[in-house]
Amino acid sequence: MHNPQHHHWNAVKRILRYLASTTTHGLHLQRLSQLTLNAFADVDWGFDPDDRKSTSSLVVYLESNPITWLSKKQKVVSRSSTEAEYRSIAVTLKQNTQVDTKSTHRTSSSSYSSHHSI
């Protein structure tokens, strides 16, 4: 920044205090014998009162370890909760396919399976 103000410095100090107080936090990854890829999706149908668009959410686990997550407003207005769920599943499948493709390229000797729950 070429012209930092007092409130910028306060924000930096707040971030540094937060980081200093969370040094013991982290993701604990575990390795089991067979790797499984699990994806879970949910949707909040027409939640936004301004545009009535739904919000899709997903989380993908490798074993018990969350490796990717997403919450995103859908681009179109769904006519039903079922339509919104299908759109959310499509986003989850796309994300899961990307993760599965990246994983199999790195460790071709491991076995992967995908499970999708709503």
PDB file of N, CA and C in Angstrom:
ATOM      1  N   MET A   1       0.839  -1.181   0.000  1.00  0.00           N
ATOM      2  CA  MET A   1       0.000   0.000   0.000  1.00  0.00           C
ATOM      3  C   MET A   1       0.881   1.239   0.000  1.00  0.00           C
ATOM      4  N   HIS A   2       0.525   2.180  -0.785  1.00  0.00           N
ATOM      5  CA  HIS A   2       1.349   3.369  -0.928  1.00  0.00           C
ATOM      6  C   HIS A   2       1.007   4.455   0.087  1.00  0.00           C
ATOM      7  N   ASN A   3      -0.154   4.361   0.745  1.00  0.00           N
ATOM      8  CA  ASN A   3      -0.538   5.389   1.716  1.00  0.00           C
ATOM      9  C   ASN A   3      -1.315   4.758   2.879  1.00  0.00           C
ATOM     10  N   PRO A   4      -0.642   3.950   3.718  1.00  0.00           N
ATOM     11  CA  PRO A   4      -1.356   3.281   4.813  1.00  0.00           C
ATOM     12  C   PRO A   4      -1.854   4.278   5.860  1.00  0.00           C
ATOM     13  N   GLN A   5      -3.049   3.993   6.352  1.00  0.00           N
ATOM     14  CA  GLN A   5      -3.677   4.834   7.378  1.00  0.00           C
ATOM     15  C   GLN A   5      -3.627   4.120   8.729  1.00  0.00           C
ATOM     16  N   HIS A   6      -4.079   4.811   9.759  1.00  0.00           N
ATOM     17  CA  HIS A   6      -4.087   4.260  11.121  1.00  0.00           C
ATOM     18  C   HIS A   6      -4.950   2.998  11.195  1.00  0.00           C
ATOM     19  N   HIS A   7      -6.119   3.001  10.539  1.00  0.00           N
ATOM     20  CA  HIS A   7      -7.004   1.824  10.597  1.00  0.00           C
ATOM     21  C   HIS A   7      -6.380   0.620   9.878  1.00  0.00           C
ATOM     22  N   HIS A   8      -5.510   0.848   8.913  1.00  0.00           N
ATOM     23  CA  HIS A   8      -4.799  -0.255   8.276  1.00  0.00           C
ATOM     24  C   HIS A   8      -3.830  -0.909   9.265  1.00  0.00           C
ATOM     25  N   TRP A   9      -3.113  -0.086   9.998  1.00  0.00           N
ATOM     26  CA  TRP A   9      -2.171  -0.596  11.004  1.00  0.00           C
ATOM     27  C   TRP A   9      -2.917  -1.384  12.080  1.00  0.00           C
ATOM     28  N   ASN A  10      -4.082  -0.885  12.485  1.00  0.00           N
ATOM     29  CA  ASN A  10      -4.895  -1.603  13.481  1.00  0.00           C
ATOM     30  C   ASN A  10      -5.330  -2.967  12.946  1.00  0.00           C
ATOM     31  N   ALA A  11      -5.684  -3.029  11.666  1.00  0.00           N
ATOM     32  CA  ALA A  11      -6.079  -4.300  11.065  1.00  0.00           C
ATOM     33  C   ALA A  11      -4.905  -5.285  11.033  1.00  0.00           C
ATOM     34  N   VAL A  12      -3.724  -4.805  10.689  1.00  0.00           N
ATOM     35  CA  VAL A  12      -2.524  -5.654  10.668  1.00  0.00           C
ATOM     36  C   VAL A  12      -2.235  -6.191  12.063  1.00  0.00           C
ATOM     37  N   LYS A  13      -2.318  -5.342  13.067  1.00  0.00           N
ATOM     38  CA  LYS A  13      -2.062  -5.790  14.444  1.00  0.00           C
ATOM     39  C   LYS A  13      -3.101  -6.829  14.878  1.00  0.00           C
ATOM     40  N   ARG A  14      -4.350  -6.638  14.489  1.00  0.00           N
ATOM     41  CA  ARG A  14      -5.397  -7.588  14.848  1.00  0.00           C
ATOM     42  C   ARG A  14      -5.124  -8.949  14.214  1.00  0.00           C
ATOM     43  N   ILE A  15      -4.720  -8.955  12.942  1.00  0.00           N
ATOM     44  CA  ILE A  15      -4.394 -10.206  12.262  1.00  0.00           C
ATOM     45  C   ILE A  15      -3.207 -10.893  12.930  1.00  0.00           C
ATOM     46  N   LEU A  16      -2.174 -10.139  13.274  1.00  0.00           N
ATOM     47  CA  LEU A  16      -1.004 -10.716  13.936  1.00  0.00           C
ATOM     48  C   LEU A  16      -1.347 -11.280  15.314  1.00  0.00           C
ATOM     49  N   ARG A  17      -2.203 -10.596  16.071  1.00  0.00           N
ATOM     50  CA  ARG A  17      -2.644 -11.124  17.374  1.00  0.00           C
ATOM     51  C   ARG A  17      -3.409 -12.431  17.198  1.00  0.00           C
ATOM     52  N   TYR A  18      -4.269 -12.480  16.182  1.00  0.00           N
ATOM     53  CA  TYR A  18      -5.021 -13.709  15.907  1.00  0.00           C
ATOM     54  C   TYR A  18      -4.068 -14.851  15.567  1.00  0.00           C
ATOM     55  N   LEU A  19      -3.131 -14.608  14.667  1.00  0.00           N
ATOM     56  CA  LEU A  19      -2.175 -15.642  14.280  1.00  0.00           C
ATOM     57  C   LEU A  19      -1.334 -16.113  15.462  1.00  0.00           C
ATOM     58  N   ALA A  20      -0.922 -15.183  16.305  1.00  0.00           N
ATOM     59  CA  ALA A  20      -0.112 -15.548  17.479  1.00  0.00           C
ATOM     60  C   ALA A  20      -0.909 -16.407  18.458  1.00  0.00           C
ATOM     61  N   SER A  21      -2.222 -16.189  18.542  1.00  0.00           N
ATOM     62  CA  SER A  21      -3.036 -16.933  19.512  1.00  0.00           C
ATOM     63  C   SER A  21      -3.514 -18.279  18.970  1.00  0.00           C
ATOM     64  N   THR A  22      -3.287 -18.572  17.690  1.00  0.00           N
ATOM     65  CA  THR A  22      -3.772 -19.821  17.109  1.00  0.00           C
ATOM     66  C   THR A  22      -2.653 -20.708  16.584  1.00  0.00           C
ATOM     67  N   THR A  23      -1.471 -20.592  17.145  1.00  0.00           N
ATOM     68  CA  THR A  23      -0.337 -21.385  16.650  1.00  0.00           C
ATOM     69  C   THR A  23      -0.516 -22.883  16.904  1.00  0.00           C
ATOM     70  N   THR A  24      -1.367 -23.258  17.859  1.00  0.00           N
ATOM     71  CA  THR A  24      -1.584 -24.678  18.142  1.00  0.00           C
ATOM     72  C   THR A  24      -2.724 -25.263  17.322  1.00  0.00           C
ATOM     73  N   HIS A  25      -3.421 -24.449  16.535  1.00  0.00           N
ATOM     74  CA  HIS A  25      -4.527 -24.931  15.704  1.00  0.00           C
ATOM     75  C   HIS A  25      -3.976 -25.487  14.404  1.00  0.00           C
ATOM     76  N   GLY A  26      -4.745 -26.385  13.796  1.00  0.00           N
ATOM     77  CA  GLY A  26      -4.307 -26.928  12.511  1.00  0.00           C
ATOM     78  C   GLY A  26      -5.173 -28.080  12.073  1.00  0.00           C
ATOM     79  N   LEU A  27      -4.927 -28.583  10.899  1.00  0.00           N
ATOM     80  CA  LEU A  27      -5.605 -29.760  10.383  1.00  0.00           C
ATOM     81  C   LEU A  27      -4.762 -30.985  10.713  1.00  0.00           C
ATOM     82  N   HIS A  28      -5.399 -31.986  11.284  1.00  0.00           N
ATOM     83  CA  HIS A  28      -4.705 -33.216  11.637  1.00  0.00           C
ATOM     84  C   HIS A  28      -5.041 -34.270  10.593  1.00  0.00           C
ATOM     85  N   LEU A  29      -4.077 -34.620   9.761  1.00  0.00           N
ATOM     86  CA  LEU A  29      -4.281 -35.584   8.696  1.00  0.00           C
ATOM     87  C   LEU A  29      -3.869 -36.966   9.151  1.00  0.00           C
ATOM     88  N   GLN A  30      -4.685 -37.958   8.780  1.00  0.00           N
ATOM     89  CA  GLN A  30      -4.419 -39.335   9.158  1.00  0.00           C
ATOM     90  C   GLN A  30      -4.339 -40.184   7.900  1.00  0.00           C
ATOM     91  N   ARG A  31      -3.481 -41.173   7.902  1.00  0.00           N
ATOM     92  CA  ARG A  31      -3.335 -42.084   6.768  1.00  0.00           C
ATOM     93  C   ARG A  31      -3.853 -43.461   7.180  1.00  0.00           C
ATOM     94  N   LEU A  32      -4.815 -43.974   6.428  1.00  0.00           N
ATOM     95  CA  LEU A  32      -5.329 -45.314   6.650  1.00  0.00           C
ATOM     96  C   LEU A  32      -4.905 -46.190   5.480  1.00  0.00           C
ATOM     97  N   SER A  33      -5.150 -47.494   5.579  1.00  0.00           N
ATOM     98  CA  SER A  33      -4.648 -48.427   4.563  1.00  0.00           C
ATOM     99  C   SER A  33      -5.272 -48.195   3.187  1.00  0.00           C
ATOM    100  N   GLN A  34      -6.594 -47.996   3.110  1.00  0.00           N
ATOM    101  CA  GLN A  34      -7.236 -47.771   1.819  1.00  0.00           C
ATOM    102  C   GLN A  34      -7.831 -46.366   1.803  1.00  0.00           C
ATOM    103  N   LEU A  35      -7.474 -45.589   0.800  1.00  0.00           N
ATOM    104  CA  LEU A  35      -7.962 -44.223   0.702  1.00  0.00           C
ATOM    105  C   LEU A  35      -9.348 -44.189   0.072  1.00  0.00           C
ATOM    106  N   THR A  36     -10.265 -43.453   0.697  1.00  0.00           N
ATOM    107  CA  THR A  36     -11.588 -43.248   0.117  1.00  0.00           C
ATOM    108  C   THR A  36     -11.859 -41.757   0.044  1.00  0.00           C
ATOM    109  N   LEU A  37     -12.523 -41.369  -1.014  1.00  0.00           N
ATOM    110  CA  LEU A  37     -12.872 -39.983  -1.250  1.00  0.00           C
ATOM    111  C   LEU A  37     -14.374 -39.843  -1.041  1.00  0.00           C
ATOM    112  N   ASN A  38     -14.796 -39.030  -0.068  1.00  0.00           N
ATOM    113  CA  ASN A  38     -16.203 -38.838   0.253  1.00  0.00           C
ATOM    114  C   ASN A  38     -16.586 -37.382   0.034  1.00  0.00           C
ATOM    115  N   ALA A  39     -17.730 -37.166  -0.611  1.00  0.00           N
ATOM    116  CA  ALA A  39     -18.205 -35.808  -0.867  1.00  0.00           C
ATOM    117  C   ALA A  39     -19.608 -35.660  -0.304  1.00  0.00           C
ATOM    118  N   PHE A  40     -19.868 -34.533   0.344  1.00  0.00           N
ATOM    119  CA  PHE A  40     -21.175 -34.235   0.915  1.00  0.00           C
ATOM    120  C   PHE A  40     -21.634 -32.881   0.388  1.00  0.00           C
ATOM    121  N   ALA A  41     -22.893 -32.822  -0.032  1.00  0.00           N
ATOM    122  CA  ALA A  41     -23.437 -31.592  -0.605  1.00  0.00           C
ATOM    123  C   ALA A  41     -24.714 -31.201   0.116  1.00  0.00           C
ATOM    124  N   ASP A  42     -24.999 -29.924   0.127  1.00  0.00           N
ATOM    125  CA  ASP A  42     -26.240 -29.410   0.680  1.00  0.00           C
ATOM    126  C   ASP A  42     -26.593 -28.136  -0.069  1.00  0.00           C
ATOM    127  N   VAL A  43     -27.839 -27.734   0.011  1.00  0.00           N
ATOM    128  CA  VAL A  43     -28.272 -26.518  -0.666  1.00  0.00           C
ATOM    129  C   VAL A  43     -29.270 -25.794   0.224  1.00  0.00           C
ATOM    130  N   ASP A  44     -29.212 -24.493   0.177  1.00  0.00           N
ATOM    131  CA  ASP A  44     -30.169 -23.649   0.876  1.00  0.00           C
ATOM    132  C   ASP A  44     -31.049 -23.024  -0.202  1.00  0.00           C
ATOM    133  N   TRP A  45     -32.236 -23.607  -0.418  1.00  0.00           N
ATOM    134  CA  TRP A  45     -33.081 -23.252  -1.560  1.00  0.00           C
ATOM    135  C   TRP A  45     -33.680 -21.860  -1.399  1.00  0.00           C
ATOM    136  N   GLY A  46     -33.389 -20.989  -2.358  1.00  0.00           N
ATOM    137  CA  GLY A  46     -33.985 -19.659  -2.423  1.00  0.00           C
ATOM    138  C   GLY A  46     -33.808 -18.819  -1.187  1.00  0.00           C
ATOM    139  N   PHE A  47     -32.687 -18.945  -0.511  1.00  0.00           N
ATOM    140  CA  PHE A  47     -32.474 -18.279   0.779  1.00  0.00           C
ATOM    141  C   PHE A  47     -32.374 -16.767   0.659  1.00  0.00           C
ATOM    142  N   ASP A  48     -31.727 -16.281  -0.391  1.00  0.00           N
ATOM    143  CA  ASP A  48     -31.521 -14.835  -0.530  1.00  0.00           C
ATOM    144  C   ASP A  48     -32.834 -14.164  -0.932  1.00  0.00           C
ATOM    145  N   PRO A  49     -33.424 -13.327  -0.055  1.00  0.00           N
ATOM    146  CA  PRO A  49     -34.719 -12.716  -0.366  1.00  0.00           C
ATOM    147  C   PRO A  49     -34.646 -11.696  -1.503  1.00  0.00           C
ATOM    148  N   ASP A  50     -33.449 -11.205  -1.816  1.00  0.00           N
ATOM    149  CA  ASP A  50     -33.314 -10.210  -2.883  1.00  0.00           C
ATOM    150  C   ASP A  50     -33.405 -10.826  -4.272  1.00  0.00           C
ATOM    151  N   ASP A  51     -32.745 -11.973  -4.491  1.00  0.00           N
ATOM    152  CA  ASP A  51     -32.758 -12.559  -5.830  1.00  0.00           C
ATOM    153  C   ASP A  51     -33.285 -13.995  -5.855  1.00  0.00           C
ATOM    154  N   ARG A  52     -33.606 -14.573  -4.699  1.00  0.00           N
ATOM    155  CA  ARG A  52     -34.162 -15.922  -4.562  1.00  0.00           C
ATOM    156  C   ARG A  52     -33.250 -17.028  -5.095  1.00  0.00           C
ATOM    157  N   LYS A  53     -31.975 -16.745  -5.244  1.00  0.00           N
ATOM    158  CA  LYS A  53     -31.034 -17.771  -5.697  1.00  0.00           C
ATOM    159  C   LYS A  53     -30.625 -18.642  -4.519  1.00  0.00           C
ATOM    160  N   SER A  54     -30.368 -19.892  -4.808  1.00  0.00           N
ATOM    161  CA  SER A  54     -29.981 -20.854  -3.782  1.00  0.00           C
ATOM    162  C   SER A  54     -28.470 -20.828  -3.577  1.00  0.00           C
ATOM    163  N   THR A  55     -28.034 -21.327  -2.425  1.00  0.00           N
ATOM    164  CA  THR A  55     -26.613 -21.428  -2.114  1.00  0.00           C
ATOM    165  C   THR A  55     -26.233 -22.897  -1.984  1.00  0.00           C
ATOM    166  N   SER A  56     -25.281 -23.338  -2.803  1.00  0.00           N
ATOM    167  CA  SER A  56     -24.762 -24.705  -2.746  1.00  0.00           C
ATOM    168  C   SER A  56     -23.560 -24.747  -1.815  1.00  0.00           C
ATOM    169  N   SER A  57     -23.468 -25.801  -1.045  1.00  0.00           N
ATOM    170  CA  SER A  57     -22.323 -26.013  -0.159  1.00  0.00           C
ATOM    171  C   SER A  57     -21.847 -27.447  -0.329  1.00  0.00           C
ATOM    172  N   LEU A  58     -20.547 -27.635  -0.211  1.00  0.00           N
ATOM    173  CA  LEU A  58     -20.000 -28.985  -0.306  1.00  0.00           C
ATOM    174  C   LEU A  58     -18.728 -29.080   0.512  1.00  0.00           C
ATOM    175  N   VAL A  59     -18.412 -30.309   0.895  1.00  0.00           N
ATOM    176  CA  VAL A  59     -17.128 -30.614   1.519  1.00  0.00           C
ATOM    177  C   VAL A  59     -16.687 -31.975   0.998  1.00  0.00           C
ATOM    178  N   VAL A  60     -15.409 -32.093   0.664  1.00  0.00           N
ATOM    179  CA  VAL A  60     -14.836 -33.352   0.172  1.00  0.00           C
ATOM    180  C   VAL A  60     -13.797 -33.810   1.178  1.00  0.00           C
ATOM    181  N   TYR A  61     -13.912 -35.083   1.571  1.00  0.00           N
ATOM    182  CA  TYR A  61     -12.995 -35.676   2.532  1.00  0.00           C
ATOM    183  C   TYR A  61     -12.152 -36.741   1.848  1.00  0.00           C
ATOM    184  N   LEU A  62     -10.880 -36.790   2.169  1.00  0.00           N
ATOM    185  CA  LEU A  62     -10.017 -37.916   1.842  1.00  0.00           C
ATOM    186  C   LEU A  62      -9.820 -38.637   3.159  1.00  0.00           C
ATOM    187  N   GLU A  63     -10.461 -39.817   3.279  1.00  0.00           N
ATOM    188  CA  GLU A  63     -10.603 -40.503   4.560  1.00  0.00           C
ATOM    189  C   GLU A  63     -11.390 -39.596   5.511  1.00  0.00           C
ATOM    190  N   SER A  64     -10.845 -39.238   6.650  1.00  0.00           N
ATOM    191  CA  SER A  64     -11.540 -38.345   7.588  1.00  0.00           C
ATOM    192  C   SER A  64     -10.990 -36.923   7.511  1.00  0.00           C
ATOM    193  N   ASN A  65     -10.223 -36.630   6.475  1.00  0.00           N
ATOM    194  CA  ASN A  65      -9.564 -35.335   6.350  1.00  0.00           C
ATOM    195  C   ASN A  65     -10.257 -34.465   5.316  1.00  0.00           C
ATOM    196  N   PRO A  66     -10.769 -33.302   5.728  1.00  0.00           N
ATOM    197  CA  PRO A  66     -11.362 -32.405   4.733  1.00  0.00           C
ATOM    198  C   PRO A  66     -10.265 -31.840   3.832  1.00  0.00           C
ATOM    199  N   ILE A  67     -10.439 -32.000   2.517  1.00  0.00           N
ATOM    200  CA  ILE A  67      -9.410 -31.519   1.600  1.00  0.00           C
ATOM    201  C   ILE A  67      -9.898 -30.377   0.722  1.00  0.00           C
ATOM    202  N   THR A  68     -11.204 -30.212   0.581  1.00  0.00           N
ATOM    203  CA  THR A  68     -11.741 -29.066  -0.137  1.00  0.00           C
ATOM    204  C   THR A  68     -13.167 -28.803   0.326  1.00  0.00           C
ATOM    205  N   TRP A  69     -13.552 -27.561   0.301  1.00  0.00           N
ATOM    206  CA  TRP A  69     -14.914 -27.175   0.681  1.00  0.00           C
ATOM    207  C   TRP A  69     -15.285 -25.930  -0.104  1.00  0.00           C
ATOM    208  N   LEU A  70     -16.593 -25.705  -0.231  1.00  0.00           N
ATOM    209  CA  LEU A  70     -17.071 -24.622  -1.076  1.00  0.00           C
ATOM    210  C   LEU A  70     -18.476 -24.235  -0.655  1.00  0.00           C
ATOM    211  N   SER A  71     -18.755 -22.971  -0.689  1.00  0.00           N
ATOM    212  CA  SER A  71     -20.101 -22.448  -0.518  1.00  0.00           C
ATOM    213  C   SER A  71     -20.267 -21.361  -1.563  1.00  0.00           C
ATOM    214  N   LYS A  72     -21.238 -21.557  -2.474  1.00  0.00           N
ATOM    215  CA  LYS A  72     -21.352 -20.656  -3.611  1.00  0.00           C
ATOM    216  C   LYS A  72     -22.815 -20.472  -3.995  1.00  0.00           C
ATOM    217  N   LYS A  73     -23.157 -19.231  -4.318  1.00  0.00           N
ATOM    218  CA  LYS A  73     -24.512 -18.942  -4.769  1.00  0.00           C
ATOM    219  C   LYS A  73     -24.685 -19.487  -6.185  1.00  0.00           C
ATOM    220  N   GLN A  74     -25.828 -20.151  -6.425  1.00  0.00           N
ATOM    221  CA  GLN A  74     -26.113 -20.676  -7.752  1.00  0.00           C
ATOM    222  C   GLN A  74     -26.383 -19.530  -8.721  1.00  0.00           C
ATOM    223  N   LYS A  75     -26.088 -19.750 -10.006  1.00  0.00           N
ATOM    224  CA  LYS A  75     -26.197 -18.682 -10.998  1.00  0.00           C
ATOM    225  C   LYS A  75     -27.632 -18.398 -11.428  1.00  0.00           C
ATOM    226  N   VAL A  76     -28.515 -19.369 -11.279  1.00  0.00           N
ATOM    227  CA  VAL A  76     -29.902 -19.201 -11.714  1.00  0.00           C
ATOM    228  C   VAL A  76     -30.852 -19.447 -10.549  1.00  0.00           C
ATOM    229  N   VAL A  77     -32.086 -19.008 -10.696  1.00  0.00           N
ATOM    230  CA  VAL A  77     -33.118 -19.252  -9.694  1.00  0.00           C
ATOM    231  C   VAL A  77     -33.731 -20.620  -9.960  1.00  0.00           C
ATOM    232  N   SER A  78     -33.709 -21.498  -8.969  1.00  0.00           N
ATOM    233  CA  SER A  78     -34.296 -22.830  -9.113  1.00  0.00           C
ATOM    234  C   SER A  78     -35.794 -22.754  -8.828  1.00  0.00           C
ATOM    235  N   ARG A  79     -36.568 -23.514  -9.583  1.00  0.00           N
ATOM    236  CA  ARG A  79     -38.026 -23.503  -9.411  1.00  0.00           C
ATOM    237  C   ARG A  79     -38.490 -24.370  -8.266  1.00  0.00           C
ATOM    238  N   SER A  80     -37.620 -25.265  -7.815  1.00  0.00           N
ATOM    239  CA  SER A  80     -37.991 -26.154  -6.706  1.00  0.00           C
ATOM    240  C   SER A  80     -36.750 -26.506  -5.914  1.00  0.00           C
ATOM    241  N   SER A  81     -36.975 -27.057  -4.735  1.00  0.00           N
ATOM    242  CA  SER A  81     -35.840 -27.487  -3.912  1.00  0.00           C
ATOM    243  C   SER A  81     -35.126 -28.662  -4.580  1.00  0.00           C
ATOM    244  N   THR A  82     -35.873 -29.496  -5.305  1.00  0.00           N
ATOM    245  CA  THR A  82     -35.265 -30.624  -6.011  1.00  0.00           C
ATOM    246  C   THR A  82     -34.305 -30.132  -7.091  1.00  0.00           C
ATOM    247  N   GLU A  83     -34.727 -29.127  -7.850  1.00  0.00           N
ATOM    248  CA  GLU A  83     -33.852 -28.564  -8.882  1.00  0.00           C
ATOM    249  C   GLU A  83     -32.596 -27.972  -8.254  1.00  0.00           C
ATOM    250  N   ALA A  84     -32.757 -27.270  -7.135  1.00  0.00           N
ATOM    251  CA  ALA A  84     -31.601 -26.690  -6.445  1.00  0.00           C
ATOM    252  C   ALA A  84     -30.657 -27.785  -5.953  1.00  0.00           C
ATOM    253  N   GLU A  85     -31.217 -28.902  -5.455  1.00  0.00           N
ATOM    254  CA  GLU A  85     -30.394 -30.026  -4.993  1.00  0.00           C
ATOM    255  C   GLU A  85     -29.606 -30.635  -6.157  1.00  0.00           C
ATOM    256  N   TYR A  86     -30.265 -30.818  -7.306  1.00  0.00           N
ATOM    257  CA  TYR A  86     -29.563 -31.366  -8.479  1.00  0.00           C
ATOM    258  C   TYR A  86     -28.410 -30.470  -8.893  1.00  0.00           C
ATOM    259  N   ARG A  87     -28.628 -29.167  -8.867  1.00  0.00           N
ATOM    260  CA  ARG A  87     -27.549 -28.244  -9.220  1.00  0.00           C
ATOM    261  C   ARG A  87     -26.392 -28.372  -8.220  1.00  0.00           C
ATOM    262  N   SER A  88     -26.727 -28.511  -6.946  1.00  0.00           N
ATOM    263  CA  SER A  88     -25.697 -28.664  -5.916  1.00  0.00           C
ATOM    264  C   SER A  88     -24.924 -29.964  -6.107  1.00  0.00           C
ATOM    265  N   ILE A  89     -25.627 -31.038  -6.455  1.00  0.00           N
ATOM    266  CA  ILE A  89     -24.964 -32.322  -6.706  1.00  0.00           C
ATOM    267  C   ILE A  89     -24.021 -32.200  -7.907  1.00  0.00           C
ATOM    268  N   ALA A  90     -24.464 -31.487  -8.948  1.00  0.00           N
ATOM    269  CA  ALA A  90     -23.614 -31.310 -10.136  1.00  0.00           C
ATOM    270  C   ALA A  90     -22.320 -30.588  -9.778  1.00  0.00           C
ATOM    271  N   VAL A  91     -22.409 -29.560  -8.951  1.00  0.00           N
ATOM    272  CA  VAL A  91     -21.209 -28.830  -8.518  1.00  0.00           C
ATOM    273  C   VAL A  91     -20.301 -29.763  -7.714  1.00  0.00           C
ATOM    274  N   THR A  92     -20.910 -30.568  -6.842  1.00  0.00           N
ATOM    275  CA  THR A  92     -20.133 -31.496  -6.014  1.00  0.00           C
ATOM    276  C   THR A  92     -19.441 -32.548  -6.872  1.00  0.00           C
ATOM    277  N   LEU A  93     -20.155 -33.102  -7.840  1.00  0.00           N
ATOM    278  CA  LEU A  93     -19.544 -34.101  -8.723  1.00  0.00           C
ATOM    279  C   LEU A  93     -18.381 -33.510  -9.511  1.00  0.00           C
ATOM    280  N   LYS A  94     -18.554 -32.280  -9.992  1.00  0.00           N
ATOM    281  CA  LYS A  94     -17.473 -31.625 -10.724  1.00  0.00           C
ATOM    282  C   LYS A  94     -16.254 -31.447  -9.828  1.00  0.00           C
ATOM    283  N   GLN A  95     -16.478 -30.971  -8.606  1.00  0.00           N
ATOM    284  CA  GLN A  95     -15.382 -30.759  -7.660  1.00  0.00           C
ATOM    285  C   GLN A  95     -14.723 -32.090  -7.301  1.00  0.00           C
ATOM    286  N   ASN A  96     -15.541 -33.105  -7.063  1.00  0.00           N
ATOM    287  CA  ASN A  96     -15.027 -34.414  -6.679  1.00  0.00           C
ATOM    288  C   ASN A  96     -14.225 -35.032  -7.814  1.00  0.00           C
ATOM    289  N   THR A  97     -14.671 -34.861  -9.044  1.00  0.00           N
ATOM    290  CA  THR A  97     -13.941 -35.377 -10.198  1.00  0.00           C
ATOM    291  C   THR A  97     -12.588 -34.698 -10.320  1.00  0.00           C
ATOM    292  N   GLN A  98     -12.551 -33.383 -10.094  1.00  0.00           N
ATOM    293  CA  GLN A  98     -11.279 -32.656 -10.156  1.00  0.00           C
ATOM    294  C   GLN A  98     -10.326 -33.147  -9.087  1.00  0.00           C
ATOM    295  N   VAL A  99     -10.820 -33.342  -7.870  1.00  0.00           N
ATOM    296  CA  VAL A  99      -9.974 -33.818  -6.774  1.00  0.00           C
ATOM    297  C   VAL A  99      -9.507 -35.234  -7.060  1.00  0.00           C
ATOM    298  N   ASP A 100     -10.419 -36.098  -7.518  1.00  0.00           N
ATOM    299  CA  ASP A 100     -10.077 -37.489  -7.803  1.00  0.00           C
ATOM    300  C   ASP A 100      -9.041 -37.582  -8.916  1.00  0.00           C
ATOM    301  N   THR A 101      -9.175 -36.762  -9.957  1.00  0.00           N
ATOM    302  CA  THR A 101      -8.214 -36.759 -11.057  1.00  0.00           C
ATOM    303  C   THR A 101      -6.841 -36.321 -10.576  1.00  0.00           C
ATOM    304  N   LYS A 102      -6.794 -35.260  -9.780  1.00  0.00           N
ATOM    305  CA  LYS A 102      -5.509 -34.788  -9.262  1.00  0.00           C
ATOM    306  C   LYS A 102      -4.877 -35.837  -8.362  1.00  0.00           C
ATOM    307  N   SER A 103      -5.689 -36.508  -7.546  1.00  0.00           N
ATOM    308  CA  SER A 103      -5.166 -37.496  -6.606  1.00  0.00           C
ATOM    309  C   SER A 103      -4.615 -38.716  -7.321  1.00  0.00           C
ATOM    310  N   THR A 104      -5.322 -39.206  -8.341  1.00  0.00           N
ATOM    311  CA  THR A 104      -4.866 -40.416  -9.012  1.00  0.00           C
ATOM    312  C   THR A 104      -3.619 -40.162  -9.832  1.00  0.00           C
ATOM    313  N   HIS A 105      -3.411 -38.935 -10.294  1.00  0.00           N
ATOM    314  CA  HIS A 105      -2.176 -38.629 -11.011  1.00  0.00           C
ATOM    315  C   HIS A 105      -0.974 -38.644 -10.070  1.00  0.00           C
ATOM    316  N   ARG A 106      -1.191 -38.285  -8.836  1.00  0.00           N
ATOM    317  CA  ARG A 106      -0.077 -38.217  -7.876  1.00  0.00           C
ATOM    318  C   ARG A 106       0.252 -39.571  -7.285  1.00  0.00           C
ATOM    319  N   THR A 107      -0.774 -40.357  -6.950  1.00  0.00           N
ATOM    320  CA  THR A 107      -0.543 -41.652  -6.317  1.00  0.00           C
ATOM    321  C   THR A 107      -1.357 -42.705  -7.056  1.00  0.00           C
ATOM    322  N   SER A 108      -0.827 -43.221  -8.127  1.00  0.00           N
ATOM    323  CA  SER A 108      -1.570 -44.155  -8.958  1.00  0.00           C
ATOM    324  C   SER A 108      -1.734 -45.519  -8.301  1.00  0.00           C
ATOM    325  N   SER A 109      -0.972 -45.823  -7.266  1.00  0.00           N
ATOM    326  CA  SER A 109      -1.071 -47.127  -6.633  1.00  0.00           C
ATOM    327  C   SER A 109      -2.211 -47.200  -5.625  1.00  0.00           C
ATOM    328  N   SER A 110      -2.792 -46.081  -5.245  1.00  0.00           N
ATOM    329  CA  SER A 110      -3.864 -46.072  -4.258  1.00  0.00           C
ATOM    330  C   SER A 110      -5.207 -46.301  -4.924  1.00  0.00           C
ATOM    331  N   SER A 111      -6.133 -46.814  -4.149  1.00  0.00           N
ATOM    332  CA  SER A 111      -7.491 -47.060  -4.626  1.00  0.00           C
ATOM    333  C   SER A 111      -8.413 -45.961  -4.106  1.00  0.00           C
ATOM    334  N   TYR A 112      -9.261 -45.421  -4.969  1.00  0.00           N
ATOM    335  CA  TYR A 112     -10.167 -44.339  -4.598  1.00  0.00           C
ATOM    336  C   TYR A 112     -11.601 -44.735  -4.903  1.00  0.00           C
ATOM    337  N   SER A 113     -12.511 -44.363  -4.022  1.00  0.00           N
ATOM    338  CA  SER A 113     -13.931 -44.510  -4.317  1.00  0.00           C
ATOM    339  C   SER A 113     -14.628 -43.238  -3.865  1.00  0.00           C
ATOM    340  N   SER A 114     -15.740 -42.951  -4.502  1.00  0.00           N
ATOM    341  CA  SER A 114     -16.450 -41.711  -4.209  1.00  0.00           C
ATOM    342  C   SER A 114     -17.843 -42.001  -3.699  1.00  0.00           C
ATOM    343  N   HIS A 115     -18.269 -41.294  -2.684  1.00  0.00           N
ATOM    344  CA  HIS A 115     -19.609 -41.418  -2.125  1.00  0.00           C
ATOM    345  C   HIS A 115     -20.205 -40.026  -2.038  1.00  0.00           C
ATOM    346  N   HIS A 116     -21.434 -39.878  -2.475  1.00  0.00           N
ATOM    347  CA  HIS A 116     -22.089 -38.576  -2.456  1.00  0.00           C
ATOM    348  C   HIS A 116     -23.334 -38.674  -1.581  1.00  0.00           C
ATOM    349  N   SER A 117     -23.451 -37.805  -0.621  1.00  0.00           N
ATOM    350  CA  SER A 117     -24.604 -37.789   0.262  1.00  0.00           C
ATOM    351  C   SER A 117     -25.243 -36.419   0.231  1.00  0.00           C
ATOM    352  N   ILE A 118     -26.530 -36.403   0.371  1.00  0.00           N
ATOM    353  CA  ILE A 118     -27.276 -35.139   0.410  1.00  0.00           C
ATOM    354  C   ILE A 118     -27.935 -35.025   1.768  1.00  0.00           C
TER     355      ILE A 118
END
